[in-house]
Amino acid sequence: MQKRVLAFLAAGVWISISEFVRNELLFKSYWLEKYSSIGMVFPAEPINNGLWGVWSFMLAGVIVYLLHRLRFVETIVVVWFSVFVLMWVVIGNLNVLPMGLLVFAVPLSTVEVAVAAWLGKTILGRPAA
């Protein structure tokens, strides 16, 4: 049980850092420009950032859970498609997705999920499959 908690915490911290660096430090201008172009203000209140932190740890929980049921690569594929691709479809449908961002978001989100899964697998002591 301690390994699961540690795997969850490590993956959650990694995802939080990855999301913060990607969306706040590297690509915030894409978000600000997109929201401005549709006459909206980008939601950047502390509550919004806090909810992204919650989201990061929820994602970490899903990854750790699936590592017990799927192979390593299967976990990465299932999580990436079910979280990121579905999120992009939804926010694209709402017209708040800066499409130019996908060039960067696809590989970086894949790395984000892969590293989180690797952290979980390593801490849990699971062999790579």
N, C-alpha and C. Protein backbone atom coordinates (compact mmCIF):
# COMPACT_ATOMS: atom_id res chain seq x y z
N MET A 1 0.81 -1.20 0.00
CA MET A 1 0.00 0.00 0.00
C MET A 1 0.86 1.26 0.00
N GLN A 2 1.96 1.24 0.75
CA GLN A 2 2.84 2.41 0.79
C GLN A 2 3.43 2.69 -0.59
N LYS A 3 3.75 1.63 -1.33
CA LYS A 3 4.29 1.83 -2.68
C LYS A 3 3.26 2.48 -3.58
N ARG A 4 2.00 2.10 -3.45
CA ARG A 4 0.95 2.71 -4.26
C ARG A 4 0.80 4.20 -3.95
N VAL A 5 0.83 4.52 -2.68
CA VAL A 5 0.71 5.93 -2.29
C VAL A 5 1.91 6.73 -2.80
N LEU A 6 3.10 6.18 -2.66
CA LEU A 6 4.30 6.86 -3.15
C LEU A 6 4.26 7.01 -4.67
N ALA A 7 3.83 5.96 -5.37
CA ALA A 7 3.71 6.03 -6.84
C ALA A 7 2.71 7.11 -7.23
N PHE A 8 1.58 7.16 -6.53
CA PHE A 8 0.54 8.17 -6.77
C PHE A 8 1.09 9.58 -6.55
N LEU A 9 1.79 9.77 -5.42
CA LEU A 9 2.33 11.10 -5.11
C LEU A 9 3.39 11.52 -6.13
N ALA A 10 4.31 10.61 -6.47
CA ALA A 10 5.37 10.94 -7.43
C ALA A 10 4.78 11.28 -8.79
N ALA A 11 3.84 10.47 -9.26
CA ALA A 11 3.22 10.73 -10.57
C ALA A 11 2.43 12.04 -10.53
N GLY A 12 1.72 12.28 -9.43
CA GLY A 12 0.93 13.51 -9.31
C GLY A 12 1.79 14.76 -9.30
N VAL A 13 2.91 14.71 -8.58
CA VAL A 13 3.82 15.86 -8.55
C VAL A 13 4.41 16.09 -9.94
N TRP A 14 4.83 15.01 -10.61
CA TRP A 14 5.38 15.14 -11.96
C TRP A 14 4.36 15.76 -12.92
N ILE A 15 3.13 15.26 -12.90
CA ILE A 15 2.10 15.78 -13.80
C ILE A 15 1.82 17.25 -13.50
N SER A 16 1.75 17.61 -12.23
CA SER A 16 1.52 19.01 -11.85
C SER A 16 2.63 19.91 -12.37
N ILE A 17 3.86 19.48 -12.20
CA ILE A 17 5.01 20.27 -12.69
C ILE A 17 4.97 20.38 -14.20
N SER A 18 4.72 19.27 -14.86
CA SER A 18 4.67 19.25 -16.33
C SER A 18 3.59 20.19 -16.86
N GLU A 19 2.40 20.10 -16.27
CA GLU A 19 1.29 20.96 -16.69
C GLU A 19 1.61 22.43 -16.45
N PHE A 20 2.18 22.73 -15.29
CA PHE A 20 2.52 24.12 -14.97
C PHE A 20 3.54 24.67 -15.96
N VAL A 21 4.60 23.93 -16.19
CA VAL A 21 5.65 24.39 -17.11
C VAL A 21 5.07 24.58 -18.51
N ARG A 22 4.30 23.61 -18.97
CA ARG A 22 3.77 23.68 -20.33
C ARG A 22 2.77 24.82 -20.48
N ASN A 23 1.81 24.90 -19.58
CA ASN A 23 0.71 25.85 -19.79
C ASN A 23 0.94 27.24 -19.21
N GLU A 24 1.78 27.36 -18.21
CA GLU A 24 2.03 28.67 -17.61
C GLU A 24 3.32 29.31 -18.11
N LEU A 25 4.37 28.53 -18.25
CA LEU A 25 5.67 29.10 -18.61
C LEU A 25 5.93 29.09 -20.11
N LEU A 26 5.57 28.01 -20.79
CA LEU A 26 5.90 27.90 -22.21
C LEU A 26 4.82 28.45 -23.14
N PHE A 27 3.56 28.14 -22.87
CA PHE A 27 2.53 28.40 -23.87
C PHE A 27 1.35 29.24 -23.39
N LYS A 28 1.53 29.98 -22.33
CA LYS A 28 0.42 30.80 -21.83
C LYS A 28 -0.03 31.82 -22.87
N SER A 29 0.91 32.31 -23.67
CA SER A 29 0.55 33.30 -24.69
C SER A 29 -0.45 32.72 -25.70
N TYR A 30 -0.36 31.42 -26.01
CA TYR A 30 -1.33 30.79 -26.91
C TYR A 30 -2.73 30.86 -26.29
N TRP A 31 -2.81 30.52 -25.00
CA TRP A 31 -4.10 30.54 -24.32
C TRP A 31 -4.66 31.95 -24.23
N LEU A 32 -3.84 32.92 -23.86
CA LEU A 32 -4.30 34.30 -23.74
C LEU A 32 -4.79 34.84 -25.07
N GLU A 33 -4.03 34.56 -26.12
CA GLU A 33 -4.41 35.02 -27.46
C GLU A 33 -5.72 34.39 -27.92
N LYS A 34 -5.87 33.09 -27.71
CA LYS A 34 -7.08 32.39 -28.13
C LYS A 34 -8.30 32.95 -27.40
N TYR A 35 -8.21 33.07 -26.09
CA TYR A 35 -9.34 33.58 -25.32
C TYR A 35 -9.66 35.03 -25.71
N SER A 36 -8.64 35.83 -25.92
CA SER A 36 -8.86 37.21 -26.34
C SER A 36 -9.56 37.26 -27.70
N SER A 37 -9.17 36.36 -28.60
CA SER A 37 -9.76 36.35 -29.95
C SER A 37 -11.23 35.99 -29.96
N ILE A 38 -11.70 35.32 -28.91
CA ILE A 38 -13.12 34.97 -28.84
C ILE A 38 -13.86 35.83 -27.81
N GLY A 39 -13.19 36.90 -27.37
CA GLY A 39 -13.83 37.86 -26.47
C GLY A 39 -14.00 37.37 -25.04
N MET A 40 -13.12 36.48 -24.62
CA MET A 40 -13.19 35.96 -23.25
C MET A 40 -11.90 36.25 -22.52
N VAL A 41 -11.95 36.15 -21.21
CA VAL A 41 -10.76 36.30 -20.38
C VAL A 41 -10.31 34.90 -19.98
N PHE A 42 -9.04 34.60 -20.16
CA PHE A 42 -8.51 33.30 -19.78
C PHE A 42 -8.67 33.08 -18.28
N PRO A 43 -9.25 31.94 -17.86
CA PRO A 43 -9.48 31.69 -16.44
C PRO A 43 -8.17 31.35 -15.71
N ALA A 44 -7.65 32.31 -14.96
CA ALA A 44 -6.36 32.10 -14.29
C ALA A 44 -6.43 32.43 -12.80
N GLU A 45 -7.62 32.34 -12.24
CA GLU A 45 -7.78 32.59 -10.80
C GLU A 45 -7.16 31.43 -10.02
N PRO A 46 -6.81 31.66 -8.76
CA PRO A 46 -6.24 30.58 -7.95
C PRO A 46 -7.08 29.30 -7.92
N ILE A 47 -8.41 29.45 -7.93
CA ILE A 47 -9.27 28.26 -7.92
C ILE A 47 -9.07 27.44 -9.18
N ASN A 48 -8.87 28.10 -10.32
CA ASN A 48 -8.63 27.39 -11.58
C ASN A 48 -7.34 26.59 -11.50
N ASN A 49 -6.29 27.24 -11.00
CA ASN A 49 -5.01 26.54 -10.87
C ASN A 49 -5.10 25.40 -9.86
N GLY A 50 -5.85 25.62 -8.79
CA GLY A 50 -6.03 24.56 -7.80
C GLY A 50 -6.74 23.35 -8.38
N LEU A 51 -7.74 23.62 -9.22
CA LEU A 51 -8.46 22.51 -9.85
C LEU A 51 -7.57 21.75 -10.83
N TRP A 52 -6.63 22.43 -11.48
CA TRP A 52 -5.68 21.71 -12.33
C TRP A 52 -4.77 20.82 -11.48
N GLY A 53 -4.46 21.27 -10.26
CA GLY A 53 -3.70 20.42 -9.35
C GLY A 53 -4.48 19.17 -8.98
N VAL A 54 -5.76 19.35 -8.69
CA VAL A 54 -6.64 18.20 -8.39
C VAL A 54 -6.68 17.28 -9.60
N TRP A 55 -6.86 17.85 -10.78
CA TRP A 55 -6.89 17.07 -12.02
C TRP A 55 -5.60 16.26 -12.18
N SER A 56 -4.46 16.86 -11.87
CA SER A 56 -3.16 16.17 -12.00
C SER A 56 -3.10 14.94 -11.12
N PHE A 57 -3.58 15.07 -9.89
CA PHE A 57 -3.54 13.93 -8.98
C PHE A 57 -4.62 12.89 -9.31
N MET A 58 -5.73 13.32 -9.87
CA MET A 58 -6.72 12.35 -10.35
C MET A 58 -6.13 11.54 -11.50
N LEU A 59 -5.43 12.21 -12.40
CA LEU A 59 -4.77 11.51 -13.50
C LEU A 59 -3.72 10.54 -12.97
N ALA A 60 -2.96 10.95 -11.97
CA ALA A 60 -1.97 10.07 -11.37
C ALA A 60 -2.64 8.83 -10.78
N GLY A 61 -3.78 9.02 -10.13
CA GLY A 61 -4.50 7.89 -9.57
C GLY A 61 -4.94 6.90 -10.64
N VAL A 62 -5.42 7.41 -11.75
CA VAL A 62 -5.82 6.53 -12.86
C VAL A 62 -4.62 5.76 -13.38
N ILE A 63 -3.50 6.43 -13.53
CA ILE A 63 -2.29 5.77 -14.04
C ILE A 63 -1.86 4.65 -13.10
N VAL A 64 -1.79 4.93 -11.81
CA VAL A 64 -1.36 3.91 -10.85
C VAL A 64 -2.36 2.75 -10.84
N TYR A 65 -3.63 3.05 -10.90
CA TYR A 65 -4.65 2.00 -10.95
C TYR A 65 -4.46 1.11 -12.18
N LEU A 66 -4.30 1.74 -13.34
CA LEU A 66 -4.18 0.96 -14.57
C LEU A 66 -2.87 0.18 -14.66
N LEU A 67 -1.82 0.66 -14.02
CA LEU A 67 -0.56 -0.09 -14.02
C LEU A 67 -0.72 -1.46 -13.39
N HIS A 68 -1.71 -1.63 -12.53
CA HIS A 68 -1.99 -2.93 -11.91
C HIS A 68 -2.77 -3.85 -12.84
N ARG A 69 -3.36 -3.31 -13.87
CA ARG A 69 -4.24 -4.09 -14.72
C ARG A 69 -3.78 -4.22 -16.17
N LEU A 70 -2.97 -3.28 -16.60
CA LEU A 70 -2.51 -3.27 -17.99
C LEU A 70 -0.99 -3.29 -18.03
N ARG A 71 -0.48 -3.61 -19.20
CA ARG A 71 0.97 -3.50 -19.38
C ARG A 71 1.35 -2.02 -19.45
N PHE A 72 2.61 -1.75 -19.27
CA PHE A 72 3.14 -0.39 -19.22
C PHE A 72 2.72 0.43 -20.43
N VAL A 73 2.99 -0.07 -21.63
CA VAL A 73 2.68 0.66 -22.86
C VAL A 73 1.17 0.80 -23.02
N GLU A 74 0.43 -0.22 -22.66
CA GLU A 74 -1.04 -0.12 -22.74
C GLU A 74 -1.56 0.98 -21.81
N THR A 75 -0.98 1.08 -20.64
CA THR A 75 -1.38 2.13 -19.70
C THR A 75 -1.16 3.50 -20.32
N ILE A 76 0.00 3.71 -20.91
CA ILE A 76 0.30 5.00 -21.53
C ILE A 76 -0.70 5.32 -22.64
N VAL A 77 -0.95 4.36 -23.51
CA VAL A 77 -1.85 4.59 -24.65
C VAL A 77 -3.28 4.87 -24.18
N VAL A 78 -3.79 4.04 -23.28
CA VAL A 78 -5.16 4.20 -22.79
C VAL A 78 -5.32 5.54 -22.09
N VAL A 79 -4.38 5.88 -21.22
CA VAL A 79 -4.48 7.14 -20.47
C VAL A 79 -4.36 8.33 -21.41
N TRP A 80 -3.38 8.31 -22.30
CA TRP A 80 -3.18 9.47 -23.18
C TRP A 80 -4.42 9.72 -24.04
N PHE A 81 -4.95 8.65 -24.65
CA PHE A 81 -6.14 8.84 -25.50
C PHE A 81 -7.36 9.22 -24.69
N SER A 82 -7.57 8.58 -23.55
CA SER A 82 -8.79 8.83 -22.80
C SER A 82 -8.76 10.15 -22.03
N VAL A 83 -7.59 10.71 -21.79
CA VAL A 83 -7.52 11.98 -21.06
C VAL A 83 -7.25 13.13 -22.02
N PHE A 84 -6.13 13.08 -22.72
CA PHE A 84 -5.74 14.24 -23.52
C PHE A 84 -6.54 14.36 -24.82
N VAL A 85 -6.66 13.29 -25.57
CA VAL A 85 -7.38 13.40 -26.84
C VAL A 85 -8.84 13.78 -26.59
N LEU A 86 -9.46 13.17 -25.60
CA LEU A 86 -10.86 13.53 -25.31
C LEU A 86 -10.98 14.98 -24.83
N MET A 87 -10.00 15.42 -24.02
CA MET A 87 -10.03 16.81 -23.56
C MET A 87 -9.91 17.76 -24.76
N TRP A 88 -9.01 17.45 -25.69
CA TRP A 88 -8.84 18.33 -26.86
C TRP A 88 -10.09 18.34 -27.73
N VAL A 89 -10.76 17.21 -27.87
CA VAL A 89 -12.01 17.18 -28.63
C VAL A 89 -13.05 18.09 -27.99
N VAL A 90 -13.18 18.00 -26.68
CA VAL A 90 -14.17 18.81 -25.97
C VAL A 90 -13.83 20.29 -26.05
N ILE A 91 -12.58 20.67 -25.71
CA ILE A 91 -12.29 22.11 -25.72
C ILE A 91 -12.18 22.64 -27.15
N GLY A 92 -11.88 21.77 -28.11
CA GLY A 92 -11.94 22.17 -29.51
C GLY A 92 -13.38 22.43 -29.92
N ASN A 93 -14.28 21.58 -29.48
CA ASN A 93 -15.70 21.76 -29.77
C ASN A 93 -16.24 23.04 -29.14
N LEU A 94 -15.70 23.42 -28.01
CA LEU A 94 -16.10 24.66 -27.34
C LEU A 94 -15.39 25.89 -27.92
N ASN A 95 -14.52 25.66 -28.89
CA ASN A 95 -13.77 26.72 -29.57
C ASN A 95 -12.82 27.47 -28.62
N VAL A 96 -12.29 26.79 -27.62
CA VAL A 96 -11.31 27.43 -26.74
C VAL A 96 -9.94 26.77 -26.84
N LEU A 97 -9.76 25.85 -27.77
CA LEU A 97 -8.47 25.19 -27.97
C LEU A 97 -7.65 25.94 -29.00
N PRO A 98 -6.49 26.46 -28.61
CA PRO A 98 -5.60 27.06 -29.62
C PRO A 98 -4.98 25.93 -30.46
N MET A 99 -5.47 25.74 -31.66
CA MET A 99 -5.06 24.60 -32.49
C MET A 99 -3.55 24.55 -32.73
N GLY A 100 -2.91 25.71 -32.83
CA GLY A 100 -1.46 25.74 -33.03
C GLY A 100 -0.69 25.13 -31.88
N LEU A 101 -1.32 25.04 -30.74
CA LEU A 101 -0.69 24.48 -29.56
C LEU A 101 -0.53 22.96 -29.65
N LEU A 102 -1.35 22.31 -30.46
CA LEU A 102 -1.30 20.85 -30.55
C LEU A 102 0.03 20.33 -31.06
N VAL A 103 0.72 21.11 -31.87
CA VAL A 103 2.04 20.71 -32.36
C VAL A 103 2.98 20.42 -31.19
N PHE A 104 2.84 21.20 -30.14
CA PHE A 104 3.67 21.02 -28.94
C PHE A 104 2.99 20.10 -27.92
N ALA A 105 1.68 20.23 -27.80
CA ALA A 105 0.95 19.52 -26.76
C ALA A 105 0.94 18.01 -26.97
N VAL A 106 0.86 17.56 -28.21
CA VAL A 106 0.81 16.11 -28.45
C VAL A 106 2.07 15.42 -27.94
N PRO A 107 3.27 15.82 -28.38
CA PRO A 107 4.45 15.12 -27.85
C PRO A 107 4.69 15.37 -26.37
N LEU A 108 4.45 16.59 -25.89
CA LEU A 108 4.72 16.88 -24.49
C LEU A 108 3.75 16.15 -23.56
N SER A 109 2.50 16.03 -23.95
CA SER A 109 1.54 15.29 -23.12
C SER A 109 1.83 13.80 -23.14
N THR A 110 2.33 13.31 -24.26
CA THR A 110 2.73 11.90 -24.33
C THR A 110 3.89 11.64 -23.38
N VAL A 111 4.86 12.52 -23.38
CA VAL A 111 5.99 12.39 -22.45
C VAL A 111 5.50 12.50 -21.01
N GLU A 112 4.58 13.41 -20.77
CA GLU A 112 4.03 13.59 -19.42
C GLU A 112 3.43 12.28 -18.90
N VAL A 113 2.59 11.65 -19.71
CA VAL A 113 1.95 10.40 -19.30
C VAL A 113 2.99 9.28 -19.19
N ALA A 114 3.92 9.22 -20.13
CA ALA A 114 4.92 8.15 -20.11
C ALA A 114 5.81 8.25 -18.87
N VAL A 115 6.23 9.44 -18.52
CA VAL A 115 7.09 9.61 -17.33
C VAL A 115 6.29 9.29 -16.07
N ALA A 116 5.05 9.73 -16.01
CA ALA A 116 4.22 9.42 -14.84
C ALA A 116 4.03 7.91 -14.71
N ALA A 117 3.79 7.23 -15.82
CA ALA A 117 3.65 5.77 -15.79
C ALA A 117 4.97 5.10 -15.42
N TRP A 118 6.06 5.62 -15.94
CA TRP A 118 7.38 5.06 -15.59
C TRP A 118 7.67 5.24 -14.10
N LEU A 119 7.36 6.41 -13.56
CA LEU A 119 7.54 6.63 -12.11
C LEU A 119 6.71 5.62 -11.32
N GLY A 120 5.45 5.48 -11.71
CA GLY A 120 4.58 4.53 -11.02
C GLY A 120 5.10 3.11 -11.12
N LYS A 121 5.48 2.69 -12.33
CA LYS A 121 5.98 1.34 -12.54
C LYS A 121 7.25 1.09 -11.75
N THR A 122 8.14 2.06 -11.74
CA THR A 122 9.40 1.92 -11.02
C THR A 122 9.17 1.82 -9.51
N ILE A 123 8.35 2.68 -8.98
CA ILE A 123 8.08 2.67 -7.54
C ILE A 123 7.32 1.41 -7.14
N LEU A 124 6.39 0.98 -7.98
CA LEU A 124 5.62 -0.23 -7.69
C LEU A 124 6.47 -1.50 -7.86
N GLY A 125 7.60 -1.37 -8.56
CA GLY A 125 8.45 -2.54 -8.78
C GLY A 125 7.95 -3.45 -9.87
N ARG A 126 7.23 -2.91 -10.81
CA ARG A 126 6.70 -3.71 -11.92
C ARG A 126 7.73 -3.75 -13.06
N PRO A 127 7.90 -4.92 -13.67
CA PRO A 127 8.81 -4.98 -14.82
C PRO A 127 8.20 -4.27 -16.02
N ALA A 128 9.03 -3.74 -16.87
CA ALA A 128 8.54 -3.09 -18.09
C ALA A 128 7.94 -4.14 -18.99
N ALA A 129 6.78 -3.84 -19.56
CA ALA A 129 6.12 -4.79 -20.46
C ALA A 129 5.66 -4.07 -21.70
